[in-house]
Amino acid sequence: MIVGAINMCGSELKVLPEGVQRVAALLQERGHPHMPVMLDDAARTAQQAADALGIALGQIAKSIIFRRKSDDVAVLVITAGDQRVDERKVEALVCPDGKRLGRADAEFVKARTGFSIGGVSPLAHATPPVTLIDQSLFRFAEVWAAAGHPHGVFKLAPQQLLELTGAPVADVVVDPALEQVSQQNAINLVAAHARRIRAETENIPSPCISVCRMSTLTGWCEGCFRTREEIAGWSQSGDGGKRAVWDLIGQRMAGLQA
């Protein structure tokens, strides 16, 4: 449910969250016709926000923040709510030195953008980020972006998003067909490795296949299907602990194929 549009007249603006005030002020300054609205607190996910607004999931312009390792700059990718960002494509566009993107935790996001995760607006950042706009947003006549708070959003056309941010439009999302092939190849390699070591009880080898990318969807490595914690703790684990991780990997791979 939409609680209500922001009243830009009088003192009501001052009672809104600081981030929403910042976004609203910039939108007003730029002459944007649509001011932020606040959604009901029950709208906690992109799908719930889309349902509350009566729009398709893809019309939610979600903001994904990465951390560029070479200079610690925030990289903002504005993508359609029904798409998943391909980190490798983003790296190719924003990391010319060949270095990679890193994980942006809540502290980093707040420090660089001035917004909390879930409410990162495409504009009015504390420090200007490197920004990319997902080309798939242009399927729609209008989209809704975060307005500086997890429950604050504002309406705009994709072309207006381009004009407000000055960011380039790019192909930054995962190709579902290629992702499926890549995932199946990883499963085949790890499963073959698991069969070879099934009878071993000592010196249990690592499941790593040199594909070291963390999936933002599952939280597992796309190559070995371990979590960050399992990867970090592998060398300190005994054979029993390593075997337990292998068992978890088998369950995860079976779930992906179900």
C-alpha atoms as a PDB file:
ATOM      1  CA  MET A   1       0.000   0.000   0.000  1.00  0.00           C
ATOM      2  CA  ILE A   2       1.190   3.518  -0.790  1.00  0.00           C
ATOM      3  CA  VAL A   3       1.086   5.671   2.316  1.00  0.00           C
ATOM      4  CA  GLY A   4       1.222   8.944   0.468  1.00  0.00           C
ATOM      5  CA  ALA A   5       3.123  11.366  -1.696  1.00  0.00           C
ATOM      6  CA  ILE A   6       5.447  13.869  -0.117  1.00  0.00           C
ATOM      7  CA  ASN A   7       3.977  17.314   0.367  1.00  0.00           C
ATOM      8  CA  MET A   8       6.681  19.707  -0.731  1.00  0.00           C
ATOM      9  CA  CYS A   9       4.897  22.649   0.850  1.00  0.00           C
ATOM     10  CA  GLY A  10       5.060  23.509   4.559  1.00  0.00           C
ATOM     11  CA  SER A  11       6.922  21.651   7.275  1.00  0.00           C
ATOM     12  CA  GLU A  12       5.839  18.088   6.484  1.00  0.00           C
ATOM     13  CA  LEU A  13       9.043  17.446   4.520  1.00  0.00           C
ATOM     14  CA  LYS A  14      11.063  17.829   7.716  1.00  0.00           C
ATOM     15  CA  VAL A  15       9.444  14.815   9.378  1.00  0.00           C
ATOM     16  CA  LEU A  16      10.484  12.471   6.565  1.00  0.00           C
ATOM     17  CA  PRO A  17      13.690  10.414   6.790  1.00  0.00           C
ATOM     18  CA  GLU A  18      16.774  12.493   6.045  1.00  0.00           C
ATOM     19  CA  GLY A  19      17.648  10.463   2.954  1.00  0.00           C
ATOM     20  CA  VAL A  20      14.200  10.999   1.432  1.00  0.00           C
ATOM     21  CA  GLN A  21      14.435  14.713   2.155  1.00  0.00           C
ATOM     22  CA  ARG A  22      17.742  14.834   0.282  1.00  0.00           C
ATOM     23  CA  VAL A  23      16.340  13.006  -2.735  1.00  0.00           C
ATOM     24  CA  ALA A  24      13.134  15.077  -2.757  1.00  0.00           C
ATOM     25  CA  ALA A  25      15.093  18.329  -2.604  1.00  0.00           C
ATOM     26  CA  LEU A  26      17.262  17.330  -5.558  1.00  0.00           C
ATOM     27  CA  LEU A  27      14.270  16.180  -7.588  1.00  0.00           C
ATOM     28  CA  GLN A  28      12.548  19.475  -6.912  1.00  0.00           C
ATOM     29  CA  GLU A  29      15.692  21.394  -7.855  1.00  0.00           C
ATOM     30  CA  ARG A  30      15.931  19.479 -11.133  1.00  0.00           C
ATOM     31  CA  GLY A  31      12.247  20.054 -11.901  1.00  0.00           C
ATOM     32  CA  HIS A  32      11.317  16.383 -11.808  1.00  0.00           C
ATOM     33  CA  PRO A  33       7.500  16.015 -11.950  1.00  0.00           C
ATOM     34  CA  HIS A  34       7.205  13.106  -9.515  1.00  0.00           C
ATOM     35  CA  MET A  35       8.094  13.458  -5.845  1.00  0.00           C
ATOM     36  CA  PRO A  36       8.842  10.457  -3.584  1.00  0.00           C
ATOM     37  CA  VAL A  37       6.096   8.409  -1.972  1.00  0.00           C
ATOM     38  CA  MET A  38       6.371   6.207   1.094  1.00  0.00           C
ATOM     39  CA  LEU A  39       5.216   2.599   0.909  1.00  0.00           C
ATOM     40  CA  ASP A  40       3.706   0.633   3.738  1.00  0.00           C
ATOM     41  CA  ASP A  41       6.294  -0.976   6.027  1.00  0.00           C
ATOM     42  CA  ALA A  42       5.086  -4.410   4.888  1.00  0.00           C
ATOM     43  CA  ALA A  43       6.674  -3.865   1.454  1.00  0.00           C
ATOM     44  CA  ARG A  44      10.088  -5.274   2.314  1.00  0.00           C
ATOM     45  CA  THR A  45      11.134  -6.876  -0.987  1.00  0.00           C
ATOM     46  CA  ALA A  46      11.245  -5.686  -4.594  1.00  0.00           C
ATOM     47  CA  GLN A  47       8.295  -7.937  -5.416  1.00  0.00           C
ATOM     48  CA  GLN A  48       6.273  -6.581  -2.495  1.00  0.00           C
ATOM     49  CA  ALA A  49       7.086  -3.023  -3.546  1.00  0.00           C
ATOM     50  CA  ALA A  50       5.994  -3.816  -7.112  1.00  0.00           C
ATOM     51  CA  ASP A  51       2.754  -5.330  -5.827  1.00  0.00           C
ATOM     52  CA  ALA A  52       2.069  -2.274  -3.669  1.00  0.00           C
ATOM     53  CA  LEU A  53       2.599   0.019  -6.661  1.00  0.00           C
ATOM     54  CA  GLY A  54       0.625  -2.190  -9.050  1.00  0.00           C
ATOM     55  CA  ILE A  55       3.542  -2.613 -11.457  1.00  0.00           C
ATOM     56  CA  ALA A  56       5.693  -5.409 -12.866  1.00  0.00           C
ATOM     57  CA  LEU A  57       8.742  -6.519 -10.887  1.00  0.00           C
ATOM     58  CA  GLY A  58      10.994  -5.335 -13.716  1.00  0.00           C
ATOM     59  CA  GLN A  59       9.767  -1.773 -13.205  1.00  0.00           C
ATOM     60  CA  ILE A  60      11.491  -1.608  -9.837  1.00  0.00           C
ATOM     61  CA  ALA A  61      14.828   0.092 -10.587  1.00  0.00           C
ATOM     62  CA  LYS A  62      16.932  -1.487  -7.858  1.00  0.00           C
ATOM     63  CA  SER A  63      20.311  -0.066  -6.843  1.00  0.00           C
ATOM     64  CA  ILE A  64      23.212  -2.492  -6.375  1.00  0.00           C
ATOM     65  CA  ILE A  65      26.432  -1.163  -4.832  1.00  0.00           C
ATOM     66  CA  PHE A  66      29.861  -2.731  -5.384  1.00  0.00           C
ATOM     67  CA  ARG A  67      33.249  -1.702  -4.002  1.00  0.00           C
ATOM     68  CA  ARG A  68      36.000  -1.147  -6.597  1.00  0.00           C
ATOM     69  CA  LYS A  69      39.140  -2.625  -5.061  1.00  0.00           C
ATOM     70  CA  SER A  70      41.665  -0.473  -6.897  1.00  0.00           C
ATOM     71  CA  ASP A  71      40.524   2.848  -5.393  1.00  0.00           C
ATOM     72  CA  ASP A  72      37.755   1.984  -2.886  1.00  0.00           C
ATOM     73  CA  VAL A  73      35.156   3.856  -4.976  1.00  0.00           C
ATOM     74  CA  ALA A  74      31.494   2.854  -4.880  1.00  0.00           C
ATOM     75  CA  VAL A  75      30.092   1.416  -8.116  1.00  0.00           C
ATOM     76  CA  LEU A  76      26.317   1.765  -8.477  1.00  0.00           C
ATOM     77  CA  VAL A  77      24.439  -0.467 -10.893  1.00  0.00           C
ATOM     78  CA  ILE A  78      20.782   0.458 -11.437  1.00  0.00           C
ATOM     79  CA  THR A  79      19.057  -2.632 -12.723  1.00  0.00           C
ATOM     80  CA  ALA A  80      15.556  -3.919 -13.378  1.00  0.00           C
ATOM     81  CA  GLY A  81      13.978  -5.762 -10.472  1.00  0.00           C
ATOM     82  CA  ASP A  82      13.545  -8.964 -12.479  1.00  0.00           C
ATOM     83  CA  GLN A  83      17.215  -9.111 -13.513  1.00  0.00           C
ATOM     84  CA  ARG A  84      20.435 -10.165 -11.787  1.00  0.00           C
ATOM     85  CA  VAL A  85      23.660  -8.220 -12.179  1.00  0.00           C
ATOM     86  CA  ASP A  86      26.558  -9.986 -13.873  1.00  0.00           C
ATOM     87  CA  GLU A  87      29.552  -8.864 -11.828  1.00  0.00           C
ATOM     88  CA  ARG A  88      31.965  -9.870 -14.590  1.00  0.00           C
ATOM     89  CA  LYS A  89      30.271  -7.546 -17.087  1.00  0.00           C
ATOM     90  CA  VAL A  90      30.411  -4.701 -14.587  1.00  0.00           C
ATOM     91  CA  GLU A  91      34.092  -5.358 -13.868  1.00  0.00           C
ATOM     92  CA  ALA A  92      34.886  -5.215 -17.580  1.00  0.00           C
ATOM     93  CA  LEU A  93      33.264  -1.782 -17.777  1.00  0.00           C
ATOM     94  CA  VAL A  94      34.517  -0.114 -14.587  1.00  0.00           C
ATOM     95  CA  CYS A  95      37.801  -1.876 -13.738  1.00  0.00           C
ATOM     96  CA  PRO A  96      40.170  -0.981 -16.615  1.00  0.00           C
ATOM     97  CA  ASP A  97      43.184  -1.912 -14.491  1.00  0.00           C
ATOM     98  CA  GLY A  98      42.038  -5.520 -14.456  1.00  0.00           C
ATOM     99  CA  LYS A  99      41.328  -5.545 -10.729  1.00  0.00           C
ATOM    100  CA  ARG A 100      38.056  -6.788  -9.398  1.00  0.00           C
ATOM    101  CA  LEU A 101      35.006  -5.543  -7.594  1.00  0.00           C
ATOM    102  CA  GLY A 102      34.564  -6.327  -3.939  1.00  0.00           C
ATOM    103  CA  ARG A 103      31.655  -6.789  -1.604  1.00  0.00           C
ATOM    104  CA  ALA A 104      30.052  -3.581  -0.341  1.00  0.00           C
ATOM    105  CA  ASP A 105      28.936  -4.085   3.258  1.00  0.00           C
ATOM    106  CA  ALA A 106      26.384  -1.945   5.061  1.00  0.00           C
ATOM    107  CA  GLU A 107      29.054   0.329   6.571  1.00  0.00           C
ATOM    108  CA  PHE A 108      30.669   0.998   3.184  1.00  0.00           C
ATOM    109  CA  VAL A 109      27.312   1.673   1.503  1.00  0.00           C
ATOM    110  CA  LYS A 110      26.259   4.123   4.212  1.00  0.00           C
ATOM    111  CA  ALA A 111      29.612   5.937   4.223  1.00  0.00           C
ATOM    112  CA  ARG A 112      29.829   6.342   0.451  1.00  0.00           C
ATOM    113  CA  THR A 113      26.191   6.962  -0.461  1.00  0.00           C
ATOM    114  CA  GLY A 114      24.633   8.365   2.705  1.00  0.00           C
ATOM    115  CA  PHE A 115      21.848   5.796   2.339  1.00  0.00           C
ATOM    116  CA  SER A 116      21.192   2.434   3.974  1.00  0.00           C
ATOM    117  CA  ILE A 117      21.098  -0.786   1.970  1.00  0.00           C
ATOM    118  CA  GLY A 118      17.618  -1.217   0.519  1.00  0.00           C
ATOM    119  CA  GLY A 119      17.077   2.510   0.157  1.00  0.00           C
ATOM    120  CA  VAL A 120      19.969   3.583  -2.064  1.00  0.00           C
ATOM    121  CA  SER A 121      18.718   6.208  -4.494  1.00  0.00           C
ATOM    122  CA  PRO A 122      20.174   6.623  -7.996  1.00  0.00           C
ATOM    123  CA  LEU A 123      20.995  10.229  -7.080  1.00  0.00           C
ATOM    124  CA  ALA A 124      21.823  12.613  -4.185  1.00  0.00           C
ATOM    125  CA  HIS A 125      24.723  10.484  -2.973  1.00  0.00           C
ATOM    126  CA  ALA A 126      27.118  11.690  -0.283  1.00  0.00           C
ATOM    127  CA  THR A 127      30.010  10.880  -2.646  1.00  0.00           C
ATOM    128  CA  PRO A 128      29.287  10.524  -6.383  1.00  0.00           C
ATOM    129  CA  PRO A 129      29.670   6.857  -7.403  1.00  0.00           C
ATOM    130  CA  VAL A 130      30.603   5.315 -10.716  1.00  0.00           C
ATOM    131  CA  THR A 131      27.155   4.514 -12.129  1.00  0.00           C
ATOM    132  CA  LEU A 132      25.825   2.153 -14.798  1.00  0.00           C
ATOM    133  CA  ILE A 133      22.212   1.794 -15.956  1.00  0.00           C
ATOM    134  CA  ASP A 134      20.858  -1.587 -17.008  1.00  0.00           C
ATOM    135  CA  GLN A 135      19.596  -1.406 -20.582  1.00  0.00           C
ATOM    136  CA  SER A 136      16.706  -3.757 -19.806  1.00  0.00           C
ATOM    137  CA  LEU A 137      14.993  -0.944 -17.866  1.00  0.00           C
ATOM    138  CA  PHE A 138      14.178   0.650 -21.218  1.00  0.00           C
ATOM    139  CA  ARG A 139      11.556  -2.052 -21.821  1.00  0.00           C
ATOM    140  CA  PHE A 140       9.226   0.077 -19.714  1.00  0.00           C
ATOM    141  CA  ALA A 141       7.652   3.484 -20.121  1.00  0.00           C
ATOM    142  CA  GLU A 142       8.059   4.155 -16.398  1.00  0.00           C
ATOM    143  CA  VAL A 143      10.013   2.691 -13.495  1.00  0.00           C
ATOM    144  CA  TRP A 144      10.210   3.326  -9.747  1.00  0.00           C
ATOM    145  CA  ALA A 145      13.518   3.905  -7.971  1.00  0.00           C
ATOM    146  CA  ALA A 146      14.492   4.038  -4.301  1.00  0.00           C
ATOM    147  CA  ALA A 147      14.191   7.488  -2.734  1.00  0.00           C
ATOM    148  CA  GLY A 148      16.739   7.290   0.072  1.00  0.00           C
ATOM    149  CA  HIS A 149      14.852   4.945   2.404  1.00  0.00           C
ATOM    150  CA  PRO A 150      13.836   1.245   2.194  1.00  0.00           C
ATOM    151  CA  HIS A 151      10.178   2.311   1.943  1.00  0.00           C
ATOM    152  CA  GLY A 152      10.629   5.460  -0.140  1.00  0.00           C
ATOM    153  CA  VAL A 153      10.313   5.391  -3.954  1.00  0.00           C
ATOM    154  CA  PHE A 154       9.761   7.808  -6.816  1.00  0.00           C
ATOM    155  CA  LYS A 155       8.487   7.428 -10.371  1.00  0.00           C
ATOM    156  CA  LEU A 156      10.384   8.309 -13.510  1.00  0.00           C
ATOM    157  CA  ALA A 157      10.898   7.244 -17.116  1.00  0.00           C
ATOM    158  CA  PRO A 158      14.130   5.393 -17.944  1.00  0.00           C
ATOM    159  CA  GLN A 159      15.139   8.355 -20.099  1.00  0.00           C
ATOM    160  CA  GLN A 160      14.697  10.643 -17.079  1.00  0.00           C
ATOM    161  CA  LEU A 161      16.911   8.295 -15.071  1.00  0.00           C
ATOM    162  CA  LEU A 162      19.549   8.730 -17.750  1.00  0.00           C
ATOM    163  CA  GLU A 163      19.211  12.520 -17.644  1.00  0.00           C
ATOM    164  CA  LEU A 164      19.205  12.774 -13.845  1.00  0.00           C
ATOM    165  CA  THR A 165      22.290  10.611 -13.345  1.00  0.00           C
ATOM    166  CA  GLY A 166      24.254  11.230 -16.547  1.00  0.00           C
ATOM    167  CA  ALA A 167      25.246   7.553 -16.365  1.00  0.00           C
ATOM    168  CA  PRO A 168      25.862   5.314 -19.384  1.00  0.00           C
ATOM    169  CA  VAL A 169      23.448   2.548 -20.372  1.00  0.00           C
ATOM    170  CA  ALA A 170      24.997  -0.916 -20.614  1.00  0.00           C
ATOM    171  CA  ASP A 171      24.342  -4.642 -20.702  1.00  0.00           C
ATOM    172  CA  VAL A 172      25.116  -5.527 -17.085  1.00  0.00           C
ATOM    173  CA  VAL A 173      22.795  -8.464 -16.351  1.00  0.00           C
ATOM    174  CA  VAL A 174      23.183 -12.217 -16.356  1.00  0.00           C
ATOM    175  CA  ASP A 175      22.295 -14.115 -19.519  1.00  0.00           C
ATOM    176  CA  PRO A 176      20.054 -16.915 -18.159  1.00  0.00           C
ATOM    177  CA  ALA A 177      21.072 -19.424 -20.839  1.00  0.00           C
ATOM    178  CA  LEU A 178      24.801 -18.877 -20.347  1.00  0.00           C
ATOM    179  CA  GLU A 179      24.394 -18.908 -16.570  1.00  0.00           C
ATOM    180  CA  GLN A 180      22.670 -22.282 -16.728  1.00  0.00           C
ATOM    181  CA  VAL A 181      25.448 -23.750 -18.881  1.00  0.00           C
ATOM    182  CA  SER A 182      28.141 -22.345 -16.580  1.00  0.00           C
ATOM    183  CA  GLN A 183      26.392 -23.678 -13.489  1.00  0.00           C
ATOM    184  CA  GLN A 184      25.972 -27.135 -14.998  1.00  0.00           C
ATOM    185  CA  ASN A 185      29.631 -27.255 -16.007  1.00  0.00           C
ATOM    186  CA  ALA A 186      30.639 -26.411 -12.434  1.00  0.00           C
ATOM    187  CA  ILE A 187      28.289 -29.061 -11.044  1.00  0.00           C
ATOM    188  CA  ASN A 188      29.708 -31.681 -13.411  1.00  0.00           C
ATOM    189  CA  LEU A 189      33.312 -30.882 -12.427  1.00  0.00           C
ATOM    190  CA  VAL A 190      32.674 -30.809  -8.679  1.00  0.00           C
ATOM    191  CA  ALA A 191      30.496 -33.938  -8.802  1.00  0.00           C
ATOM    192  CA  ALA A 192      33.232 -35.831 -10.668  1.00  0.00           C
ATOM    193  CA  HIS A 193      35.741 -34.694  -8.048  1.00  0.00           C
ATOM    194  CA  ALA A 194      33.390 -35.831  -5.279  1.00  0.00           C
ATOM    195  CA  ARG A 195      33.118 -39.315  -6.804  1.00  0.00           C
ATOM    196  CA  ARG A 196      36.916 -39.647  -6.957  1.00  0.00           C
ATOM    197  CA  ILE A 197      37.401 -38.836  -3.276  1.00  0.00           C
ATOM    198  CA  ARG A 198      34.342 -40.646  -1.905  1.00  0.00           C
ATOM    199  CA  ALA A 199      36.383 -43.390  -0.224  1.00  0.00           C
ATOM    200  CA  GLU A 200      39.072 -41.078   1.143  1.00  0.00           C
ATOM    201  CA  THR A 201      39.128 -40.425   4.890  1.00  0.00           C
ATOM    202  CA  GLU A 202      42.345 -38.442   5.224  1.00  0.00           C
ATOM    203  CA  ASN A 203      43.711 -35.314   3.527  1.00  0.00           C
ATOM    204  CA  ILE A 204      40.348 -34.468   2.040  1.00  0.00           C
ATOM    205  CA  PRO A 205      41.029 -32.202  -0.973  1.00  0.00           C
ATOM    206  CA  SER A 206      39.430 -28.837  -1.627  1.00  0.00           C
ATOM    207  CA  PRO A 207      36.449 -28.683  -4.015  1.00  0.00           C
ATOM    208  CA  CYS A 208      37.857 -25.531  -5.675  1.00  0.00           C
ATOM    209  CA  ILE A 209      37.815 -25.637  -9.513  1.00  0.00           C
ATOM    210  CA  SER A 210      39.426 -22.172  -9.913  1.00  0.00           C
ATOM    211  CA  VAL A 211      36.112 -20.428 -10.560  1.00  0.00           C
ATOM    212  CA  CYS A 212      36.135 -18.019  -7.635  1.00  0.00           C
ATOM    213  CA  ARG A 213      33.037 -15.803  -7.848  1.00  0.00           C
ATOM    214  CA  MET A 214      30.434 -15.449  -5.136  1.00  0.00           C
ATOM    215  CA  SER A 215      26.834 -15.636  -6.284  1.00  0.00           C
ATOM    216  CA  THR A 216      24.762 -12.714  -5.034  1.00  0.00           C
ATOM    217  CA  LEU A 217      21.690 -14.951  -5.355  1.00  0.00           C
ATOM    218  CA  THR A 218      22.776 -17.943  -3.226  1.00  0.00           C
ATOM    219  CA  GLY A 219      25.788 -16.627  -1.310  1.00  0.00           C
ATOM    220  CA  TRP A 220      27.841 -19.612  -2.562  1.00  0.00           C
ATOM    221  CA  CYS A 221      30.904 -19.653  -4.779  1.00  0.00           C
ATOM    222  CA  GLU A 222      29.817 -20.278  -8.373  1.00  0.00           C
ATOM    223  CA  GLY A 223      32.648 -22.796  -8.765  1.00  0.00           C
ATOM    224  CA  CYS A 224      32.720 -24.894  -5.585  1.00  0.00           C
ATOM    225  CA  PHE A 225      29.344 -24.063  -3.996  1.00  0.00           C
ATOM    226  CA  ARG A 226      30.861 -23.136  -0.630  1.00  0.00           C
ATOM    227  CA  THR A 227      30.030 -20.077   1.449  1.00  0.00           C
ATOM    228  CA  ARG A 228      32.661 -17.420   2.206  1.00  0.00           C
ATOM    229  CA  GLU A 229      32.950 -18.770   5.742  1.00  0.00           C
ATOM    230  CA  GLU A 230      33.482 -22.336   4.509  1.00  0.00           C
ATOM    231  CA  ILE A 231      36.171 -21.202   2.068  1.00  0.00           C
ATOM    232  CA  ALA A 232      37.960 -19.105   4.700  1.00  0.00           C
ATOM    233  CA  GLY A 233      37.845 -21.906   7.276  1.00  0.00           C
ATOM    234  CA  TRP A 234      38.817 -24.762   4.971  1.00  0.00           C
ATOM    235  CA  SER A 235      42.538 -24.824   5.750  1.00  0.00           C
ATOM    236  CA  GLN A 236      41.854 -24.856   9.497  1.00  0.00           C
ATOM    237  CA  SER A 237      39.262 -27.654   9.334  1.00  0.00           C
ATOM    238  CA  GLY A 238      39.985 -31.278  10.090  1.00  0.00           C
ATOM    239  CA  ASP A 239      39.099 -34.063   7.701  1.00  0.00           C
ATOM    240  CA  GLY A 240      35.757 -34.555   9.418  1.00  0.00           C
ATOM    241  CA  GLY A 241      34.837 -30.911   8.957  1.00  0.00           C
ATOM    242  CA  LYS A 242      35.951 -30.971   5.329  1.00  0.00           C
ATOM    243  CA  ARG A 243      33.873 -34.083   4.661  1.00  0.00           C
ATOM    244  CA  ALA A 244      30.859 -32.328   6.214  1.00  0.00           C
ATOM    245  CA  VAL A 245      31.352 -29.396   3.826  1.00  0.00           C
ATOM    246  CA  TRP A 246      31.551 -31.802   0.886  1.00  0.00           C
ATOM    247  CA  ASP A 247      28.220 -33.281   2.020  1.00  0.00           C
ATOM    248  CA  LEU A 248      26.690 -29.796   2.086  1.00  0.00           C
ATOM    249  CA  ILE A 249      28.049 -29.106  -1.404  1.00  0.00           C
ATOM    250  CA  GLY A 250      26.353 -32.270  -2.662  1.00  0.00           C
ATOM    251  CA  GLN A 251      23.037 -31.165  -1.176  1.00  0.00           C
ATOM    252  CA  ARG A 252      23.366 -27.703  -2.723  1.00  0.00           C
ATOM    253  CA  MET A 253      24.151 -29.048  -6.168  1.00  0.00           C
ATOM    254  CA  ALA A 254      21.195 -31.446  -5.965  1.00  0.00           C
ATOM    255  CA  GLY A 255      18.944 -28.543  -4.983  1.00  0.00           C
ATOM    256  CA  LEU A 256      20.104 -26.484  -7.973  1.00  0.00           C
ATOM    257  CA  GLN A 257      19.225 -29.337 -10.313  1.00  0.00           C
ATOM    258  CA  ALA A 258      15.866 -30.128  -8.727  1.00  0.00           C
END
